[in-house]
Amino acid sequence: LFSLDAKRIGKRLIGRFLLLRILLATFTLTCLVVASAFWLKSFNPHGALFSLDAKFAENDNAYPGDFDDGDSLELMDDGSGRIKLNYYLEDIRAIAFNVLDFGAISVTISARFTYLSSVHPRVFKGNKYCWYSVLIVAILQLIITYVPGLNSVVFQMKGMDGTSWGIVIFFMFIVFVVMEVEKAVRAYLKFKDVDVEDREYGAFDNPMEGEGDMTMPKGASNLNLVALEK
């Protein structure tokens, strides 16, 4: 930190490349969350999807009569007459939530170093609080996903199976790779003397800030200020 230059007047905290990294992570997470929902939904017959709670299924394609081969479809055991699915809306919520949070963990691990790769033993050293936060988030996710009542009532989802966790881990890996590739590109650009650290003024900055009239406002000299005694 002591080797870095002081923040220049008019420079914003978020520059071009930091904003690009934020947007890239956001776009990647959003796409993978949506993809996980459609992937899990594809395991259902005809891609059908509805809630386990029958009161939310009135307008859904949930009954044998909604399909041409409805007579051959297995029915749920709750007596509602709805077809049996491999995954319900509650499963979709669970996998989407976990893809988002575990994907964010991948972003955190990649962001441990600005230019150095996180695919190295050094990622486990230097900042133990990073791993404390990762552990806390992972435990909270497991609690939210599996504790009865908390998952079904508060978050309206259910526990995940092995297939769902496989998708979560796979997408977590994809997020990590995307962020590492972005980091490698940025390191290459820095090697080519591109201003990837946004030290120069850019579109987000105001180089004229601080160069205006810095005098006291009119009437300030008449204020009855009291000096504090030491």
C-alpha atoms as a PDB file:
ATOM      1  CA  LEU A   1       0.000   0.000   0.000  1.00  0.00           C
ATOM      2  CA  PHE A   2       2.796   2.414   0.838  1.00  0.00           C
ATOM      3  CA  SER A   3       4.255   1.947  -2.647  1.00  0.00           C
ATOM      4  CA  LEU A   4       1.050   3.157  -4.329  1.00  0.00           C
ATOM      5  CA  ASP A   5       0.519   6.741  -5.350  1.00  0.00           C
ATOM      6  CA  ALA A   6      -1.985   8.830  -3.447  1.00  0.00           C
ATOM      7  CA  LYS A   7      -5.421   9.076  -5.025  1.00  0.00           C
ATOM      8  CA  ARG A   8      -5.428  11.932  -7.511  1.00  0.00           C
ATOM      9  CA  ILE A   9      -7.989  14.697  -7.152  1.00  0.00           C
ATOM     10  CA  GLY A  10     -10.935  14.049  -9.423  1.00  0.00           C
ATOM     11  CA  LYS A  11     -10.238  10.310  -9.809  1.00  0.00           C
ATOM     12  CA  ARG A  12     -13.212   8.050  -9.099  1.00  0.00           C
ATOM     13  CA  LEU A  13     -12.920   4.919  -6.992  1.00  0.00           C
ATOM     14  CA  ILE A  14     -14.252   2.775  -9.838  1.00  0.00           C
ATOM     15  CA  GLY A  15     -12.320   3.046 -13.080  1.00  0.00           C
ATOM     16  CA  ARG A  16     -12.843   1.490 -16.495  1.00  0.00           C
ATOM     17  CA  PHE A  17     -11.229  -1.873 -15.836  1.00  0.00           C
ATOM     18  CA  LEU A  18     -12.712  -2.312 -12.364  1.00  0.00           C
ATOM     19  CA  LEU A  19     -16.144  -1.509 -13.780  1.00  0.00           C
ATOM     20  CA  LEU A  20     -15.532  -4.029 -16.577  1.00  0.00           C
ATOM     21  CA  ARG A  21     -14.643  -6.688 -14.011  1.00  0.00           C
ATOM     22  CA  ILE A  22     -17.785  -5.940 -11.993  1.00  0.00           C
ATOM     23  CA  LEU A  23     -19.982  -6.088 -15.098  1.00  0.00           C
ATOM     24  CA  LEU A  24     -18.326  -9.299 -16.302  1.00  0.00           C
ATOM     25  CA  ALA A  25     -18.877 -11.028 -12.947  1.00  0.00           C
ATOM     26  CA  THR A  26     -22.481  -9.812 -12.792  1.00  0.00           C
ATOM     27  CA  PHE A  27     -23.230 -10.929 -16.358  1.00  0.00           C
ATOM     28  CA  THR A  28     -21.615 -14.339 -15.827  1.00  0.00           C
ATOM     29  CA  LEU A  29     -23.465 -14.999 -12.568  1.00  0.00           C
ATOM     30  CA  THR A  30     -26.788 -13.893 -14.047  1.00  0.00           C
ATOM     31  CA  CYS A  31     -26.415 -16.124 -17.112  1.00  0.00           C
ATOM     32  CA  LEU A  32     -25.416 -19.159 -15.069  1.00  0.00           C
ATOM     33  CA  VAL A  33     -28.253 -18.710 -12.563  1.00  0.00           C
ATOM     34  CA  VAL A  34     -30.759 -18.650 -15.415  1.00  0.00           C
ATOM     35  CA  ALA A  35     -29.018 -21.559 -17.166  1.00  0.00           C
ATOM     36  CA  SER A  36     -29.121 -23.681 -13.994  1.00  0.00           C
ATOM     37  CA  ALA A  37     -32.885 -23.208 -13.732  1.00  0.00           C
ATOM     38  CA  PHE A  38     -33.495 -24.258 -17.336  1.00  0.00           C
ATOM     39  CA  TRP A  39     -31.030 -27.149 -17.042  1.00  0.00           C
ATOM     40  CA  LEU A  40     -32.834 -28.598 -14.035  1.00  0.00           C
ATOM     41  CA  LYS A  41     -36.225 -27.950 -15.638  1.00  0.00           C
ATOM     42  CA  SER A  42     -35.152 -29.962 -18.693  1.00  0.00           C
ATOM     43  CA  PHE A  43     -35.186 -33.168 -16.620  1.00  0.00           C
ATOM     44  CA  ASN A  44     -38.974 -32.912 -16.259  1.00  0.00           C
ATOM     45  CA  PRO A  45     -41.355 -34.557 -18.738  1.00  0.00           C
ATOM     46  CA  HIS A  46     -42.192 -32.019 -21.484  1.00  0.00           C
ATOM     47  CA  GLY A  47     -40.232 -29.421 -19.482  1.00  0.00           C
ATOM     48  CA  ALA A  48     -43.200 -28.988 -17.159  1.00  0.00           C
ATOM     49  CA  LEU A  49     -42.699 -27.016 -13.967  1.00  0.00           C
ATOM     50  CA  PHE A  50     -44.935 -26.132 -11.047  1.00  0.00           C
ATOM     51  CA  SER A  51     -44.864 -25.771  -7.287  1.00  0.00           C
ATOM     52  CA  LEU A  52     -45.265 -28.615  -4.832  1.00  0.00           C
ATOM     53  CA  ASP A  53     -48.043 -26.556  -3.275  1.00  0.00           C
ATOM     54  CA  ALA A  54     -51.204 -27.406  -5.246  1.00  0.00           C
ATOM     55  CA  LYS A  55     -52.771 -23.984  -4.647  1.00  0.00           C
ATOM     56  CA  PHE A  56     -50.126 -22.417  -6.900  1.00  0.00           C
ATOM     57  CA  ALA A  57     -50.683 -24.871  -9.747  1.00  0.00           C
ATOM     58  CA  GLU A  58     -54.108 -23.814 -11.034  1.00  0.00           C
ATOM     59  CA  ASN A  59     -52.785 -22.215 -14.216  1.00  0.00           C
ATOM     60  CA  ASP A  60     -49.807 -24.541 -14.786  1.00  0.00           C
ATOM     61  CA  ASN A  61     -49.456 -27.474 -17.178  1.00  0.00           C
ATOM     62  CA  ALA A  62     -49.678 -29.812 -14.234  1.00  0.00           C
ATOM     63  CA  TYR A  63     -52.335 -32.376 -15.158  1.00  0.00           C
ATOM     64  CA  PRO A  64     -52.339 -35.340 -17.565  1.00  0.00           C
ATOM     65  CA  GLY A  65     -54.977 -33.664 -19.733  1.00  0.00           C
ATOM     66  CA  ASP A  66     -52.505 -30.886 -20.532  1.00  0.00           C
ATOM     67  CA  PHE A  67     -50.330 -33.302 -22.546  1.00  0.00           C
ATOM     68  CA  ASP A  68     -50.934 -35.571 -25.531  1.00  0.00           C
ATOM     69  CA  ASP A  69     -49.391 -38.543 -23.733  1.00  0.00           C
ATOM     70  CA  GLY A  70     -50.900 -37.626 -20.368  1.00  0.00           C
ATOM     71  CA  ASP A  71     -52.261 -41.125 -19.748  1.00  0.00           C
ATOM     72  CA  SER A  72     -48.727 -42.506 -19.630  1.00  0.00           C
ATOM     73  CA  LEU A  73     -47.414 -39.933 -17.140  1.00  0.00           C
ATOM     74  CA  GLU A  74     -46.968 -40.858 -13.488  1.00  0.00           C
ATOM     75  CA  LEU A  75     -49.062 -38.946 -10.966  1.00  0.00           C
ATOM     76  CA  MET A  76     -48.032 -37.398  -7.635  1.00  0.00           C
ATOM     77  CA  ASP A  77     -48.860 -39.264  -4.435  1.00  0.00           C
ATOM     78  CA  ASP A  78     -50.660 -36.322  -2.811  1.00  0.00           C
ATOM     79  CA  GLY A  79     -53.981 -37.034  -4.533  1.00  0.00           C
ATOM     80  CA  SER A  80     -53.962 -33.729  -6.411  1.00  0.00           C
ATOM     81  CA  GLY A  81     -54.073 -35.464  -9.797  1.00  0.00           C
ATOM     82  CA  ARG A  82     -50.991 -33.583 -10.992  1.00  0.00           C
ATOM     83  CA  ILE A  83     -48.219 -35.319 -12.914  1.00  0.00           C
ATOM     84  CA  LYS A  84     -45.075 -36.291 -11.043  1.00  0.00           C
ATOM     85  CA  LEU A  85     -41.960 -34.282 -11.828  1.00  0.00           C
ATOM     86  CA  ASN A  86     -38.299 -34.897 -11.174  1.00  0.00           C
ATOM     87  CA  TYR A  87     -37.842 -31.287 -10.041  1.00  0.00           C
ATOM     88  CA  TYR A  88     -40.336 -28.692  -8.849  1.00  0.00           C
ATOM     89  CA  LEU A  89     -40.301 -24.920  -8.553  1.00  0.00           C
ATOM     90  CA  GLU A  90     -38.814 -25.258  -5.072  1.00  0.00           C
ATOM     91  CA  ASP A  91     -35.857 -27.171  -6.554  1.00  0.00           C
ATOM     92  CA  ILE A  92     -35.350 -24.413  -9.123  1.00  0.00           C
ATOM     93  CA  ARG A  93     -35.216 -21.774  -6.397  1.00  0.00           C
ATOM     94  CA  ALA A  94     -32.694 -23.836  -4.443  1.00  0.00           C
ATOM     95  CA  ILE A  95     -30.286 -24.375  -7.318  1.00  0.00           C
ATOM     96  CA  ALA A  96     -30.543 -20.760  -8.500  1.00  0.00           C
ATOM     97  CA  PHE A  97     -29.792 -19.468  -4.999  1.00  0.00           C
ATOM     98  CA  ASN A  98     -26.801 -21.777  -4.580  1.00  0.00           C
ATOM     99  CA  VAL A  99     -25.374 -21.095  -8.042  1.00  0.00           C
ATOM    100  CA  LEU A 100     -25.497 -17.372  -7.250  1.00  0.00           C
ATOM    101  CA  ASP A 101     -23.805 -17.622  -3.854  1.00  0.00           C
ATOM    102  CA  PHE A 102     -21.206 -20.259  -4.666  1.00  0.00           C
ATOM    103  CA  GLY A 103     -20.470 -18.416  -7.896  1.00  0.00           C
ATOM    104  CA  ALA A 104     -19.839 -15.298  -5.811  1.00  0.00           C
ATOM    105  CA  ILE A 105     -17.378 -17.366  -3.768  1.00  0.00           C
ATOM    106  CA  SER A 106     -15.491 -18.098  -6.997  1.00  0.00           C
ATOM    107  CA  VAL A 107     -15.320 -14.371  -7.718  1.00  0.00           C
ATOM    108  CA  THR A 108     -13.946 -13.784  -4.211  1.00  0.00           C
ATOM    109  CA  ILE A 109     -11.240 -16.433  -4.563  1.00  0.00           C
ATOM    110  CA  SER A 110     -10.183 -15.109  -7.975  1.00  0.00           C
ATOM    111  CA  ALA A 111     -10.077 -11.543  -6.620  1.00  0.00           C
ATOM    112  CA  ARG A 112      -7.539 -12.522  -3.946  1.00  0.00           C
ATOM    113  CA  PHE A 113      -4.824 -11.281  -6.318  1.00  0.00           C
ATOM    114  CA  THR A 114      -4.981  -8.422  -8.780  1.00  0.00           C
ATOM    115  CA  TYR A 115      -2.765  -9.945 -11.457  1.00  0.00           C
ATOM    116  CA  LEU A 116      -1.372 -13.217 -10.106  1.00  0.00           C
ATOM    117  CA  SER A 117      -3.299 -16.398 -10.783  1.00  0.00           C
ATOM    118  CA  SER A 118      -5.342 -17.850  -7.934  1.00  0.00           C
ATOM    119  CA  VAL A 119      -4.595 -21.355  -9.252  1.00  0.00           C
ATOM    120  CA  HIS A 120      -1.650 -21.558  -6.874  1.00  0.00           C
ATOM    121  CA  PRO A 121      -1.015 -22.584  -3.242  1.00  0.00           C
ATOM    122  CA  ARG A 122      -0.522 -18.910  -2.377  1.00  0.00           C
ATOM    123  CA  VAL A 123      -4.298 -18.477  -2.536  1.00  0.00           C
ATOM    124  CA  PHE A 124      -4.501 -20.291   0.813  1.00  0.00           C
ATOM    125  CA  LYS A 125      -2.009 -17.951   2.482  1.00  0.00           C
ATOM    126  CA  GLY A 126      -1.888 -14.332   3.534  1.00  0.00           C
ATOM    127  CA  ASN A 127      -5.538 -13.568   4.241  1.00  0.00           C
ATOM    128  CA  LYS A 128      -7.229 -16.048   6.541  1.00  0.00           C
ATOM    129  CA  TYR A 129     -10.330 -13.854   6.806  1.00  0.00           C
ATOM    130  CA  CYS A 130     -11.073 -14.533   3.149  1.00  0.00           C
ATOM    131  CA  TRP A 131     -11.450 -18.213   3.933  1.00  0.00           C
ATOM    132  CA  TYR A 132     -13.402 -17.466   7.100  1.00  0.00           C
ATOM    133  CA  SER A 133     -15.935 -15.567   4.992  1.00  0.00           C
ATOM    134  CA  VAL A 134     -16.068 -18.374   2.400  1.00  0.00           C
ATOM    135  CA  LEU A 135     -16.697 -20.933   5.141  1.00  0.00           C
ATOM    136  CA  ILE A 136     -19.412 -18.811   6.754  1.00  0.00           C
ATOM    137  CA  VAL A 137     -21.232 -18.280   3.454  1.00  0.00           C
ATOM    138  CA  ALA A 138     -21.024 -21.997   2.582  1.00  0.00           C
ATOM    139  CA  ILE A 139     -22.388 -23.048   5.982  1.00  0.00           C
ATOM    140  CA  LEU A 140     -25.222 -20.511   5.778  1.00  0.00           C
ATOM    141  CA  GLN A 141     -26.123 -21.808   2.329  1.00  0.00           C
ATOM    142  CA  LEU A 142     -26.314 -25.376   3.617  1.00  0.00           C
ATOM    143  CA  ILE A 143     -28.473 -24.252   6.540  1.00  0.00           C
ATOM    144  CA  ILE A 144     -30.829 -22.307   4.277  1.00  0.00           C
ATOM    145  CA  THR A 145     -31.040 -25.208   1.841  1.00  0.00           C
ATOM    146  CA  TYR A 146     -31.597 -28.100   4.241  1.00  0.00           C
ATOM    147  CA  VAL A 147     -33.053 -26.919   7.564  1.00  0.00           C
ATOM    148  CA  PRO A 148     -36.765 -27.882   7.529  1.00  0.00           C
ATOM    149  CA  GLY A 149     -39.118 -24.939   7.802  1.00  0.00           C
ATOM    150  CA  LEU A 150     -36.398 -22.427   7.068  1.00  0.00           C
ATOM    151  CA  ASN A 151     -36.015 -23.713   3.516  1.00  0.00           C
ATOM    152  CA  SER A 152     -39.661 -24.526   2.769  1.00  0.00           C
ATOM    153  CA  VAL A 153     -41.451 -21.681   4.568  1.00  0.00           C
ATOM    154  CA  VAL A 154     -39.039 -18.749   4.563  1.00  0.00           C
ATOM    155  CA  PHE A 155     -37.228 -19.342   1.258  1.00  0.00           C
ATOM    156  CA  GLN A 156     -39.845 -21.602  -0.401  1.00  0.00           C
ATOM    157  CA  MET A 157     -37.334 -24.150  -1.647  1.00  0.00           C
ATOM    158  CA  LYS A 158     -36.234 -27.702  -0.817  1.00  0.00           C
ATOM    159  CA  GLY A 159     -33.031 -29.635  -0.298  1.00  0.00           C
ATOM    160  CA  MET A 160     -30.918 -30.361  -3.363  1.00  0.00           C
ATOM    161  CA  ASP A 161     -29.834 -33.757  -4.714  1.00  0.00           C
ATOM    162  CA  GLY A 162     -26.519 -34.828  -6.241  1.00  0.00           C
ATOM    163  CA  THR A 163     -27.431 -33.673  -9.742  1.00  0.00           C
ATOM    164  CA  SER A 164     -28.221 -30.185  -8.500  1.00  0.00           C
ATOM    165  CA  TRP A 165     -24.966 -29.975  -6.550  1.00  0.00           C
ATOM    166  CA  GLY A 166     -23.070 -31.182  -9.614  1.00  0.00           C
ATOM    167  CA  ILE A 167     -24.513 -28.292 -11.623  1.00  0.00           C
ATOM    168  CA  VAL A 168     -23.655 -25.830  -8.832  1.00  0.00           C
ATOM    169  CA  ILE A 169     -20.023 -27.022  -8.642  1.00  0.00           C
ATOM    170  CA  PHE A 170     -19.681 -27.019 -12.430  1.00  0.00           C
ATOM    171  CA  PHE A 171     -20.992 -23.465 -12.728  1.00  0.00           C
ATOM    172  CA  MET A 172     -18.852 -22.380  -9.780  1.00  0.00           C
ATOM    173  CA  PHE A 173     -15.837 -23.636 -11.755  1.00  0.00           C
ATOM    174  CA  ILE A 174     -16.982 -21.745 -14.871  1.00  0.00           C
ATOM    175  CA  VAL A 175     -17.244 -18.471 -12.924  1.00  0.00           C
ATOM    176  CA  PHE A 176     -13.734 -18.998 -11.536  1.00  0.00           C
ATOM    177  CA  VAL A 177     -12.298 -19.691 -15.006  1.00  0.00           C
ATOM    178  CA  VAL A 178     -13.988 -16.628 -16.517  1.00  0.00           C
ATOM    179  CA  MET A 179     -12.600 -14.330 -13.827  1.00  0.00           C
ATOM    180  CA  GLU A 180      -9.120 -15.874 -14.098  1.00  0.00           C
ATOM    181  CA  VAL A 181      -9.124 -15.380 -17.879  1.00  0.00           C
ATOM    182  CA  GLU A 182     -10.122 -11.741 -17.398  1.00  0.00           C
ATOM    183  CA  LYS A 183      -7.284 -11.355 -14.912  1.00  0.00           C
ATOM    184  CA  ALA A 184      -4.788 -12.912 -17.348  1.00  0.00           C
ATOM    185  CA  VAL A 185      -5.902 -10.555 -20.126  1.00  0.00           C
ATOM    186  CA  ARG A 186      -5.537  -7.595 -17.800  1.00  0.00           C
ATOM    187  CA  ALA A 187      -2.024  -8.740 -16.757  1.00  0.00           C
ATOM    188  CA  TYR A 188      -1.061  -9.044 -20.440  1.00  0.00           C
ATOM    189  CA  LEU A 189      -2.349  -5.546 -21.169  1.00  0.00           C
ATOM    190  CA  LYS A 190      -0.368  -4.197 -18.230  1.00  0.00           C
ATOM    191  CA  PHE A 191       2.744  -5.856 -19.670  1.00  0.00           C
ATOM    192  CA  LYS A 192       2.000  -3.952 -22.899  1.00  0.00           C
ATOM    193  CA  ASP A 193       1.918  -0.689 -20.887  1.00  0.00           C
ATOM    194  CA  VAL A 194      -1.843  -0.269 -21.101  1.00  0.00           C
ATOM    195  CA  ASP A 195      -3.249   1.788 -18.231  1.00  0.00           C
ATOM    196  CA  VAL A 196      -5.219  -1.085 -16.665  1.00  0.00           C
ATOM    197  CA  GLU A 197      -4.904   0.480 -13.210  1.00  0.00           C
ATOM    198  CA  ASP A 198      -6.715   3.611 -14.383  1.00  0.00           C
ATOM    199  CA  ARG A 199      -4.002   5.952 -13.181  1.00  0.00           C
ATOM    200  CA  GLU A 200      -4.733   8.416 -15.974  1.00  0.00           C
ATOM    201  CA  TYR A 201      -7.922  10.462 -16.114  1.00  0.00           C
ATOM    202  CA  GLY A 202     -10.769   8.823 -18.000  1.00  0.00           C
ATOM    203  CA  ALA A 203     -14.420   9.273 -18.859  1.00  0.00           C
ATOM    204  CA  PHE A 204     -15.488   8.694 -15.249  1.00  0.00           C
ATOM    205  CA  ASP A 205     -13.100  11.272 -13.797  1.00  0.00           C
ATOM    206  CA  ASN A 206     -13.147  15.037 -13.363  1.00  0.00           C
ATOM    207  CA  PRO A 207      -9.619  16.444 -13.774  1.00  0.00           C
ATOM    208  CA  MET A 208     -10.902  19.969 -13.031  1.00  0.00           C
ATOM    209  CA  GLU A 209     -12.170  18.999  -9.587  1.00  0.00           C
ATOM    210  CA  GLY A 210     -10.490  21.005  -6.864  1.00  0.00           C
ATOM    211  CA  GLU A 211      -9.328  23.758  -9.213  1.00  0.00           C
ATOM    212  CA  GLY A 212     -12.291  26.060  -8.596  1.00  0.00           C
ATOM    213  CA  ASP A 213     -12.722  28.813  -6.041  1.00  0.00           C
ATOM    214  CA  MET A 214     -11.610  27.348  -2.699  1.00  0.00           C
ATOM    215  CA  THR A 215     -12.188  30.534  -0.652  1.00  0.00           C
ATOM    216  CA  MET A 216     -14.530  30.649   2.321  1.00  0.00           C
ATOM    217  CA  PRO A 217     -18.191  31.327   1.522  1.00  0.00           C
ATOM    218  CA  LYS A 218     -19.500  34.884   1.894  1.00  0.00           C
ATOM    219  CA  GLY A 219     -20.158  35.798   5.515  1.00  0.00           C
ATOM    220  CA  ALA A 220     -17.956  33.053   6.940  1.00  0.00           C
ATOM    221  CA  SER A 221     -15.574  35.629   8.414  1.00  0.00           C
ATOM    222  CA  ASN A 222     -18.396  36.963  10.620  1.00  0.00           C
ATOM    223  CA  LEU A 223     -18.994  33.629  12.337  1.00  0.00           C
ATOM    224  CA  ASN A 224     -18.460  33.722  16.085  1.00  0.00           C
ATOM    225  CA  LEU A 225     -16.072  30.789  16.337  1.00  0.00           C
ATOM    226  CA  VAL A 226     -14.709  29.706  19.708  1.00  0.00           C
ATOM    227  CA  ALA A 227     -11.230  28.281  19.892  1.00  0.00           C
ATOM    228  CA  LEU A 228     -10.804  25.128  21.913  1.00  0.00           C
ATOM    229  CA  GLU A 229      -8.370  25.331  24.749  1.00  0.00           C
ATOM    230  CA  LYS A 230      -5.605  22.755  24.721  1.00  0.00           C
END
